[in-house]
Amino acid sequence: MTEDWATAIVAAHVMALAPAALLFPGITPAGALAQHHTTAKALGLPRTVRRHRRHSFAVMHLKRGRDHQWLKNQLGHAPQSTLIYSVYGTYIGAQ
């Protein structure tokens, strides 16, 4: 999901069904990657790794002017982390 409206809809739906449930229970990193490759192939998309989608997500939101602190949170970076600035510094404030 890359759009705010989609995240809000999914989060509300999950909370209504089972407030304490994990969104993807039992999925392993290898299982997630296998499903990613299967889905990409079915959609005719090039074979990539999830990291590429993560970078696309970050750059897209920074180019749209999204706050970099919000993005740090979405990417799971620690509040004191400076990694986002070294990796995506070029895109911060690029809208």
PDB file of N, CA and C in Angstrom:
ATOM      1  N   MET A   1       0.846  -1.172   0.000  1.00  0.00           N
ATOM      2  CA  MET A   1       0.000   0.000   0.000  1.00  0.00           C
ATOM      3  C   MET A   1       0.887   1.229   0.000  1.00  0.00           C
ATOM      4  N   THR A   2       0.608   2.134  -0.875  1.00  0.00           N
ATOM      5  CA  THR A   2       1.416   3.346  -0.944  1.00  0.00           C
ATOM      6  C   THR A   2       0.597   4.616  -0.756  1.00  0.00           C
ATOM      7  N   GLU A   3      -0.686   4.505  -0.655  1.00  0.00           N
ATOM      8  CA  GLU A   3      -1.529   5.681  -0.490  1.00  0.00           C
ATOM      9  C   GLU A   3      -2.143   5.694   0.908  1.00  0.00           C
ATOM     10  N   ASP A   4      -2.221   6.883   1.498  1.00  0.00           N
ATOM     11  CA  ASP A   4      -2.762   7.008   2.855  1.00  0.00           C
ATOM     12  C   ASP A   4      -4.180   6.471   2.968  1.00  0.00           C
ATOM     13  N   TRP A   5      -5.007   6.730   1.966  1.00  0.00           N
ATOM     14  CA  TRP A   5      -6.402   6.310   2.062  1.00  0.00           C
ATOM     15  C   TRP A   5      -6.516   4.784   2.147  1.00  0.00           C
ATOM     16  N   ALA A   6      -5.627   4.058   1.469  1.00  0.00           N
ATOM     17  CA  ALA A   6      -5.687   2.592   1.506  1.00  0.00           C
ATOM     18  C   ALA A   6      -5.283   2.068   2.884  1.00  0.00           C
ATOM     19  N   THR A   7      -4.269   2.648   3.453  1.00  0.00           N
ATOM     20  CA  THR A   7      -3.820   2.223   4.779  1.00  0.00           C
ATOM     21  C   THR A   7      -4.920   2.424   5.802  1.00  0.00           C
ATOM     22  N   ALA A   8      -5.581   3.545   5.754  1.00  0.00           N
ATOM     23  CA  ALA A   8      -6.650   3.836   6.715  1.00  0.00           C
ATOM     24  C   ALA A   8      -7.800   2.843   6.591  1.00  0.00           C
ATOM     25  N   ILE A   9      -8.159   2.483   5.378  1.00  0.00           N
ATOM     26  CA  ILE A   9      -9.259   1.530   5.160  1.00  0.00           C
ATOM     27  C   ILE A   9      -8.877   0.151   5.681  1.00  0.00           C
ATOM     28  N   VAL A  10      -7.687  -0.314   5.361  1.00  0.00           N
ATOM     29  CA  VAL A  10      -7.248  -1.633   5.819  1.00  0.00           C
ATOM     30  C   VAL A  10      -7.143  -1.660   7.341  1.00  0.00           C
ATOM     31  N   ALA A  11      -6.548  -0.631   7.928  1.00  0.00           N
ATOM     32  CA  ALA A  11      -6.393  -0.584   9.384  1.00  0.00           C
ATOM     33  C   ALA A  11      -7.748  -0.596  10.082  1.00  0.00           C
ATOM     34  N   ALA A  12      -8.701   0.170   9.585  1.00  0.00           N
ATOM     35  CA  ALA A  12     -10.038   0.208  10.194  1.00  0.00           C
ATOM     36  C   ALA A  12     -10.721  -1.151  10.082  1.00  0.00           C
ATOM     37  N   HIS A  13     -10.589  -1.795   8.944  1.00  0.00           N
ATOM     38  CA  HIS A  13     -11.206  -3.100   8.732  1.00  0.00           C
ATOM     39  C   HIS A  13     -10.613  -4.151   9.670  1.00  0.00           C
ATOM     40  N   VAL A  14      -9.300  -4.170   9.778  1.00  0.00           N
ATOM     41  CA  VAL A  14      -8.636  -5.133  10.653  1.00  0.00           C
ATOM     42  C   VAL A  14      -9.028  -4.886  12.106  1.00  0.00           C
ATOM     43  N   MET A  15      -9.037  -3.640  12.519  1.00  0.00           N
ATOM     44  CA  MET A  15      -9.403  -3.314  13.906  1.00  0.00           C
ATOM     45  C   MET A  15     -10.845  -3.725  14.207  1.00  0.00           C
ATOM     46  N   ALA A  16     -11.733  -3.603  13.236  1.00  0.00           N
ATOM     47  CA  ALA A  16     -13.134  -3.990  13.445  1.00  0.00           C
ATOM     48  C   ALA A  16     -13.278  -5.509  13.572  1.00  0.00           C
ATOM     49  N   LEU A  17     -12.488  -6.236  12.812  1.00  0.00           N
ATOM     50  CA  LEU A  17     -12.573  -7.696  12.840  1.00  0.00           C
ATOM     51  C   LEU A  17     -11.916  -8.303  14.074  1.00  0.00           C
ATOM     52  N   ALA A  18     -10.737  -7.857  14.369  1.00  0.00           N
ATOM     53  CA  ALA A  18      -9.977  -8.442  15.478  1.00  0.00           C
ATOM     54  C   ALA A  18      -8.957  -7.420  15.975  1.00  0.00           C
ATOM     55  N   PRO A  19      -9.326  -6.617  16.941  1.00  0.00           N
ATOM     56  CA  PRO A  19      -8.457  -5.521  17.391  1.00  0.00           C
ATOM     57  C   PRO A  19      -7.044  -5.934  17.796  1.00  0.00           C
ATOM     58  N   ALA A  20      -6.843  -7.141  18.295  1.00  0.00           N
ATOM     59  CA  ALA A  20      -5.519  -7.542  18.763  1.00  0.00           C
ATOM     60  C   ALA A  20      -4.793  -8.466  17.779  1.00  0.00           C
ATOM     61  N   ALA A  21      -5.381  -8.700  16.619  1.00  0.00           N
ATOM     62  CA  ALA A  21      -4.795  -9.656  15.673  1.00  0.00           C
ATOM     63  C   ALA A  21      -3.645  -9.037  14.883  1.00  0.00           C
ATOM     64  N   LEU A  22      -2.693  -9.878  14.519  1.00  0.00           N
ATOM     65  CA  LEU A  22      -1.634  -9.463  13.613  1.00  0.00           C
ATOM     66  C   LEU A  22      -2.203  -9.430  12.202  1.00  0.00           C
ATOM     67  N   LEU A  23      -1.737  -8.520  11.387  1.00  0.00           N
ATOM     68  CA  LEU A  23      -2.266  -8.398  10.034  1.00  0.00           C
ATOM     69  C   LEU A  23      -1.876  -9.597   9.167  1.00  0.00           C
ATOM     70  N   PHE A  24      -0.659 -10.088   9.298  1.00  0.00           N
ATOM     71  CA  PHE A  24      -0.183 -11.222   8.515  1.00  0.00           C
ATOM     72  C   PHE A  24       0.411 -12.272   9.454  1.00  0.00           C
ATOM     73  N   PRO A  25      -0.410 -12.979  10.228  1.00  0.00           N
ATOM     74  CA  PRO A  25       0.140 -13.935  11.195  1.00  0.00           C
ATOM     75  C   PRO A  25       0.811 -15.120  10.506  1.00  0.00           C
ATOM     76  N   GLY A  26       1.933 -15.524  11.058  1.00  0.00           N
ATOM     77  CA  GLY A  26       2.605 -16.730  10.589  1.00  0.00           C
ATOM     78  C   GLY A  26       3.398 -16.610   9.305  1.00  0.00           C
ATOM     79  N   ILE A  27       3.439 -15.456   8.686  1.00  0.00           N
ATOM     80  CA  ILE A  27       4.187 -15.346   7.437  1.00  0.00           C
ATOM     81  C   ILE A  27       5.678 -15.214   7.759  1.00  0.00           C
ATOM     82  N   THR A  28       6.474 -15.929   7.016  1.00  0.00           N
ATOM     83  CA  THR A  28       7.930 -15.876   7.195  1.00  0.00           C
ATOM     84  C   THR A  28       8.521 -14.962   6.124  1.00  0.00           C
ATOM     85  N   PRO A  29       9.728 -14.474   6.336  1.00  0.00           N
ATOM     86  CA  PRO A  29      10.358 -13.659   5.294  1.00  0.00           C
ATOM     87  C   PRO A  29      10.465 -14.403   3.956  1.00  0.00           C
ATOM     88  N   ALA A  30      10.824 -15.685   4.011  1.00  0.00           N
ATOM     89  CA  ALA A  30      10.928 -16.465   2.770  1.00  0.00           C
ATOM     90  C   ALA A  30       9.561 -16.629   2.105  1.00  0.00           C
ATOM     91  N   GLY A  31       8.521 -16.851   2.912  1.00  0.00           N
ATOM     92  CA  GLY A  31       7.166 -16.977   2.380  1.00  0.00           C
ATOM     93  C   GLY A  31       6.672 -15.683   1.758  1.00  0.00           C
ATOM     94  N   ALA A  32       7.002 -14.569   2.404  1.00  0.00           N
ATOM     95  CA  ALA A  32       6.606 -13.263   1.867  1.00  0.00           C
ATOM     96  C   ALA A  32       7.306 -12.994   0.537  1.00  0.00           C
ATOM     97  N   LEU A  33       8.591 -13.327   0.463  1.00  0.00           N
ATOM     98  CA  LEU A  33       9.328 -13.116  -0.779  1.00  0.00           C
ATOM     99  C   LEU A  33       8.791 -14.007  -1.897  1.00  0.00           C
ATOM    100  N   ALA A  34       8.486 -15.258  -1.581  1.00  0.00           N
ATOM    101  CA  ALA A  34       7.928 -16.167  -2.582  1.00  0.00           C
ATOM    102  C   ALA A  34       6.588 -15.641  -3.097  1.00  0.00           C
ATOM    103  N   GLN A  35       5.742 -15.165  -2.198  1.00  0.00           N
ATOM    104  CA  GLN A  35       4.454 -14.610  -2.613  1.00  0.00           C
ATOM    105  C   GLN A  35       4.638 -13.346  -3.445  1.00  0.00           C
ATOM    106  N   HIS A  36       5.603 -12.535  -3.069  1.00  0.00           N
ATOM    107  CA  HIS A  36       5.912 -11.317  -3.830  1.00  0.00           C
ATOM    108  C   HIS A  36       6.295 -11.669  -5.265  1.00  0.00           C
ATOM    109  N   HIS A  37       7.170 -12.662  -5.425  1.00  0.00           N
ATOM    110  CA  HIS A  37       7.596 -13.061  -6.774  1.00  0.00           C
ATOM    111  C   HIS A  37       6.437 -13.657  -7.572  1.00  0.00           C
ATOM    112  N   THR A  38       5.601 -14.447  -6.925  1.00  0.00           N
ATOM    113  CA  THR A  38       4.446 -15.044  -7.599  1.00  0.00           C
ATOM    114  C   THR A  38       3.484 -13.962  -8.076  1.00  0.00           C
ATOM    115  N   THR A  39       3.222 -12.994  -7.213  1.00  0.00           N
ATOM    116  CA  THR A  39       2.297 -11.905  -7.561  1.00  0.00           C
ATOM    117  C   THR A  39       2.861 -11.046  -8.687  1.00  0.00           C
ATOM    118  N   ALA A  40       4.142 -10.699  -8.589  1.00  0.00           N
ATOM    119  CA  ALA A  40       4.772  -9.888  -9.638  1.00  0.00           C
ATOM    120  C   ALA A  40       4.720 -10.602 -10.985  1.00  0.00           C
ATOM    121  N   LYS A  41       4.992 -11.888 -10.989  1.00  0.00           N
ATOM    122  CA  LYS A  41       4.950 -12.655 -12.237  1.00  0.00           C
ATOM    123  C   LYS A  41       3.535 -12.675 -12.813  1.00  0.00           C
ATOM    124  N   ALA A  42       2.527 -12.885 -11.952  1.00  0.00           N
ATOM    125  CA  ALA A  42       1.133 -12.924 -12.407  1.00  0.00           C
ATOM    126  C   ALA A  42       0.698 -11.585 -12.990  1.00  0.00           C
ATOM    127  N   LEU A  43       1.263 -10.494 -12.489  1.00  0.00           N
ATOM    128  CA  LEU A  43       0.915  -9.160 -12.977  1.00  0.00           C
ATOM    129  C   LEU A  43       1.796  -8.694 -14.126  1.00  0.00           C
ATOM    130  N   GLY A  44       2.763  -9.532 -14.507  1.00  0.00           N
ATOM    131  CA  GLY A  44       3.657  -9.166 -15.603  1.00  0.00           C
ATOM    132  C   GLY A  44       4.686  -8.119 -15.213  1.00  0.00           C
ATOM    133  N   LEU A  45       4.988  -8.018 -13.917  1.00  0.00           N
ATOM    134  CA  LEU A  45       5.971  -7.049 -13.435  1.00  0.00           C
ATOM    135  C   LEU A  45       7.351  -7.690 -13.386  1.00  0.00           C
ATOM    136  N   PRO A  46       8.392  -6.888 -13.474  1.00  0.00           N
ATOM    137  CA  PRO A  46       9.740  -7.455 -13.414  1.00  0.00           C
ATOM    138  C   PRO A  46      10.027  -8.051 -12.037  1.00  0.00           C
ATOM    139  N   ARG A  47      10.909  -9.016 -12.005  1.00  0.00           N
ATOM    140  CA  ARG A  47      11.291  -9.648 -10.741  1.00  0.00           C
ATOM    141  C   ARG A  47      12.138  -8.665  -9.932  1.00  0.00           C
ATOM    142  N   THR A  48      11.715  -8.381  -8.747  1.00  0.00           N
ATOM    143  CA  THR A  48      12.427  -7.470  -7.859  1.00  0.00           C
ATOM    144  C   THR A  48      12.443  -8.074  -6.460  1.00  0.00           C
ATOM    145  N   VAL A  49      13.121  -7.408  -5.581  1.00  0.00           N
ATOM    146  CA  VAL A  49      13.069  -7.774  -4.174  1.00  0.00           C
ATOM    147  C   VAL A  49      12.246  -6.704  -3.454  1.00  0.00           C
ATOM    148  N   ARG A  50      11.722  -7.057  -2.298  1.00  0.00           N
ATOM    149  CA  ARG A  50      10.853  -6.121  -1.577  1.00  0.00           C
ATOM    150  C   ARG A  50      11.553  -4.809  -1.267  1.00  0.00           C
ATOM    151  N   ARG A  51      12.848  -4.834  -1.096  1.00  0.00           N
ATOM    152  CA  ARG A  51      13.612  -3.617  -0.803  1.00  0.00           C
ATOM    153  C   ARG A  51      13.409  -2.561  -1.899  1.00  0.00           C
ATOM    154  N   HIS A  52      13.307  -3.000  -3.151  1.00  0.00           N
ATOM    155  CA  HIS A  52      13.096  -2.048  -4.240  1.00  0.00           C
ATOM    156  C   HIS A  52      11.771  -1.320  -4.075  1.00  0.00           C
ATOM    157  N   ARG A  53      10.733  -2.050  -3.666  1.00  0.00           N
ATOM    158  CA  ARG A  53       9.430  -1.423  -3.445  1.00  0.00           C
ATOM    159  C   ARG A  53       9.510  -0.457  -2.273  1.00  0.00           C
ATOM    160  N   ARG A  54      10.296  -0.810  -1.251  1.00  0.00           N
ATOM    161  CA  ARG A  54      10.480   0.051  -0.081  1.00  0.00           C
ATOM    162  C   ARG A  54      11.110   1.383  -0.509  1.00  0.00           C
ATOM    163  N   HIS A  55      12.130   1.314  -1.352  1.00  0.00           N
ATOM    164  CA  HIS A  55      12.771   2.539  -1.829  1.00  0.00           C
ATOM    165  C   HIS A  55      11.817   3.353  -2.693  1.00  0.00           C
ATOM    166  N   SER A  56      11.058   2.699  -3.545  1.00  0.00           N
ATOM    167  CA  SER A  56      10.084   3.409  -4.377  1.00  0.00           C
ATOM    168  C   SER A  56       9.062   4.123  -3.505  1.00  0.00           C
ATOM    169  N   PHE A  57       8.583   3.452  -2.471  1.00  0.00           N
ATOM    170  CA  PHE A  57       7.631   4.029  -1.523  1.00  0.00           C
ATOM    171  C   PHE A  57       8.220   5.287  -0.887  1.00  0.00           C
ATOM    172  N   ALA A  58       9.452   5.194  -0.415  1.00  0.00           N
ATOM    173  CA  ALA A  58      10.091   6.324   0.257  1.00  0.00           C
ATOM    174  C   ALA A  58      10.278   7.505  -0.685  1.00  0.00           C
ATOM    175  N   VAL A  59      10.814   7.266  -1.850  1.00  0.00           N
ATOM    176  CA  VAL A  59      11.072   8.347  -2.804  1.00  0.00           C
ATOM    177  C   VAL A  59       9.769   8.993  -3.252  1.00  0.00           C
ATOM    178  N   MET A  60       8.750   8.186  -3.541  1.00  0.00           N
ATOM    179  CA  MET A  60       7.463   8.727  -3.975  1.00  0.00           C
ATOM    180  C   MET A  60       6.898   9.691  -2.936  1.00  0.00           C
ATOM    181  N   HIS A  61       6.907   9.277  -1.676  1.00  0.00           N
ATOM    182  CA  HIS A  61       6.329  10.123  -0.640  1.00  0.00           C
ATOM    183  C   HIS A  61       7.163  11.374  -0.390  1.00  0.00           C
ATOM    184  N   LEU A  62       8.472  11.267  -0.446  1.00  0.00           N
ATOM    185  CA  LEU A  62       9.303  12.454  -0.263  1.00  0.00           C
ATOM    186  C   LEU A  62       9.124  13.436  -1.416  1.00  0.00           C
ATOM    187  N   LYS A  63       9.009  12.932  -2.634  1.00  0.00           N
ATOM    188  CA  LYS A  63       8.777  13.810  -3.783  1.00  0.00           C
ATOM    189  C   LYS A  63       7.427  14.514  -3.690  1.00  0.00           C
ATOM    190  N   ARG A  64       6.466  13.883  -3.034  1.00  0.00           N
ATOM    191  CA  ARG A  64       5.146  14.489  -2.843  1.00  0.00           C
ATOM    192  C   ARG A  64       5.128  15.465  -1.669  1.00  0.00           C
ATOM    193  N   GLY A  65       6.259  15.596  -0.989  1.00  0.00           N
ATOM    194  CA  GLY A  65       6.350  16.539   0.108  1.00  0.00           C
ATOM    195  C   GLY A  65       5.990  15.979   1.467  1.00  0.00           C
ATOM    196  N   ARG A  66       5.893  14.681   1.579  1.00  0.00           N
ATOM    197  CA  ARG A  66       5.558  14.045   2.859  1.00  0.00           C
ATOM    198  C   ARG A  66       6.668  14.337   3.863  1.00  0.00           C
ATOM    199  N   ASP A  67       6.304  14.540   5.098  1.00  0.00           N
ATOM    200  CA  ASP A  67       7.249  14.830   6.165  1.00  0.00           C
ATOM    201  C   ASP A  67       8.211  13.659   6.355  1.00  0.00           C
ATOM    202  N   HIS A  68       9.494  13.969   6.418  1.00  0.00           N
ATOM    203  CA  HIS A  68      10.488  12.895   6.538  1.00  0.00           C
ATOM    204  C   HIS A  68      10.425  12.194   7.892  1.00  0.00           C
ATOM    205  N   GLN A  69       9.913  12.858   8.924  1.00  0.00           N
ATOM    206  CA  GLN A  69       9.743  12.189  10.215  1.00  0.00           C
ATOM    207  C   GLN A  69       8.656  11.116  10.118  1.00  0.00           C
ATOM    208  N   TRP A  70       7.592  11.419   9.389  1.00  0.00           N
ATOM    209  CA  TRP A  70       6.528  10.426   9.151  1.00  0.00           C
ATOM    210  C   TRP A  70       7.112   9.223   8.424  1.00  0.00           C
ATOM    211  N   LEU A  71       7.934   9.508   7.405  1.00  0.00           N
ATOM    212  CA  LEU A  71       8.522   8.429   6.616  1.00  0.00           C
ATOM    213  C   LEU A  71       9.452   7.567   7.465  1.00  0.00           C
ATOM    214  N   LYS A  72      10.244   8.203   8.327  1.00  0.00           N
ATOM    215  CA  LYS A  72      11.106   7.431   9.221  1.00  0.00           C
ATOM    216  C   LYS A  72      10.276   6.449  10.034  1.00  0.00           C
ATOM    217  N   ASN A  73       9.144   6.898  10.520  1.00  0.00           N
ATOM    218  CA  ASN A  73       8.268   6.033  11.296  1.00  0.00           C
ATOM    219  C   ASN A  73       7.723   4.892  10.432  1.00  0.00           C
ATOM    220  N   GLN A  74       7.284   5.205   9.221  1.00  0.00           N
ATOM    221  CA  GLN A  74       6.738   4.187   8.326  1.00  0.00           C
ATOM    222  C   GLN A  74       7.771   3.130   7.955  1.00  0.00           C
ATOM    223  N   LEU A  75       9.023   3.542   7.823  1.00  0.00           N
ATOM    224  CA  LEU A  75      10.078   2.615   7.450  1.00  0.00           C
ATOM    225  C   LEU A  75      10.638   1.850   8.644  1.00  0.00           C
ATOM    226  N   GLY A  76      10.201   2.228   9.839  1.00  0.00           N
ATOM    227  CA  GLY A  76      10.653   1.531  11.029  1.00  0.00           C
ATOM    228  C   GLY A  76      11.996   1.993  11.548  1.00  0.00           C
ATOM    229  N   HIS A  77      12.429   3.180  11.146  1.00  0.00           N
ATOM    230  CA  HIS A  77      13.696   3.713  11.632  1.00  0.00           C
ATOM    231  C   HIS A  77      13.518   4.252  13.048  1.00  0.00           C
ATOM    232  N   ALA A  78      14.543   4.142  13.854  1.00  0.00           N
ATOM    233  CA  ALA A  78      14.524   4.692  15.210  1.00  0.00           C
ATOM    234  C   ALA A  78      14.440   6.218  15.136  1.00  0.00           C
ATOM    235  N   PRO A  79      13.798   6.853  16.127  1.00  0.00           N
ATOM    236  CA  PRO A  79      13.668   8.322  16.107  1.00  0.00           C
ATOM    237  C   PRO A  79      15.005   9.053  15.954  1.00  0.00           C
ATOM    238  N   GLN A  80      16.077   8.527  16.528  1.00  0.00           N
ATOM    239  CA  GLN A  80      17.374   9.193  16.461  1.00  0.00           C
ATOM    240  C   GLN A  80      18.190   8.785  15.230  1.00  0.00           C
ATOM    241  N   SER A  81      17.662   7.889  14.417  1.00  0.00           N
ATOM    242  CA  SER A  81      18.381   7.412  13.236  1.00  0.00           C
ATOM    243  C   SER A  81      18.574   8.535  12.216  1.00  0.00           C
ATOM    244  N   THR A  82      19.743   8.565  11.617  1.00  0.00           N
ATOM    245  CA  THR A  82      20.025   9.533  10.551  1.00  0.00           C
ATOM    246  C   THR A  82      20.109   8.854   9.187  1.00  0.00           C
ATOM    247  N   LEU A  83      19.811   7.568   9.139  1.00  0.00           N
ATOM    248  CA  LEU A  83      19.923   6.804   7.894  1.00  0.00           C
ATOM    249  C   LEU A  83      19.085   7.406   6.772  1.00  0.00           C
ATOM    250  N   ILE A  84      17.896   7.869   7.091  1.00  0.00           N
ATOM    251  CA  ILE A  84      17.014   8.413   6.052  1.00  0.00           C
ATOM    252  C   ILE A  84      17.662   9.597   5.332  1.00  0.00           C
ATOM    253  N   TYR A  85      18.466  10.367   6.049  1.00  0.00           N
ATOM    254  CA  TYR A  85      19.091  11.543   5.441  1.00  0.00           C
ATOM    255  C   TYR A  85      20.230  11.147   4.500  1.00  0.00           C
ATOM    256  N   SER A  86      20.961  10.094   4.850  1.00  0.00           N
ATOM    257  CA  SER A  86      22.047   9.678   3.972  1.00  0.00           C
ATOM    258  C   SER A  86      21.527   8.926   2.752  1.00  0.00           C
ATOM    259  N   VAL A  87      20.414   8.215   2.900  1.00  0.00           N
ATOM    260  CA  VAL A  87      19.865   7.449   1.782  1.00  0.00           C
ATOM    261  C   VAL A  87      18.952   8.299   0.900  1.00  0.00           C
ATOM    262  N   TYR A  88      18.085   9.107   1.518  1.00  0.00           N
ATOM    263  CA  TYR A  88      17.066   9.847   0.768  1.00  0.00           C
ATOM    264  C   TYR A  88      17.195  11.354   0.875  1.00  0.00           C
ATOM    265  N   GLY A  89      18.316  11.836   1.363  1.00  0.00           N
ATOM    266  CA  GLY A  89      18.511  13.274   1.569  1.00  0.00           C
ATOM    267  C   GLY A  89      18.237  14.110   0.340  1.00  0.00           C
ATOM    268  N   THR A  90      18.573  13.597  -0.831  1.00  0.00           N
ATOM    269  CA  THR A  90      18.348  14.310  -2.089  1.00  0.00           C
ATOM    270  C   THR A  90      16.868  14.607  -2.319  1.00  0.00           C
ATOM    271  N   TYR A  91      16.003  13.741  -1.816  1.00  0.00           N
ATOM    272  CA  TYR A  91      14.562  13.869  -2.071  1.00  0.00           C
ATOM    273  C   TYR A  91      13.807  14.635  -1.006  1.00  0.00           C
ATOM    274  N   ILE A  92      14.439  14.884   0.136  1.00  0.00           N
ATOM    275  CA  ILE A  92      13.745  15.598   1.208  1.00  0.00           C
ATOM    276  C   ILE A  92      13.565  17.047   0.760  1.00  0.00           C
ATOM    277  N   GLY A  93      12.327  17.488   0.748  1.00  0.00           N
ATOM    278  CA  GLY A  93      11.996  18.838   0.284  1.00  0.00           C
ATOM    279  C   GLY A  93      12.015  18.987  -1.227  1.00  0.00           C
ATOM    280  N   ALA A  94      11.866  17.891  -1.969  1.00  0.00           N
ATOM    281  CA  ALA A  94      11.999  17.919  -3.433  1.00  0.00           C
ATOM    282  C   ALA A  94      10.677  18.130  -4.175  1.00  0.00           C
ATOM    283  N   GLN A  95       9.570  18.396  -3.461  1.00  0.00           N
ATOM    284  CA  GLN A  95       8.289  18.481  -4.166  1.00  0.00           C
ATOM    285  C   GLN A  95       8.234  19.629  -5.135  1.00  0.00           C
TER     286      GLN A  95
END
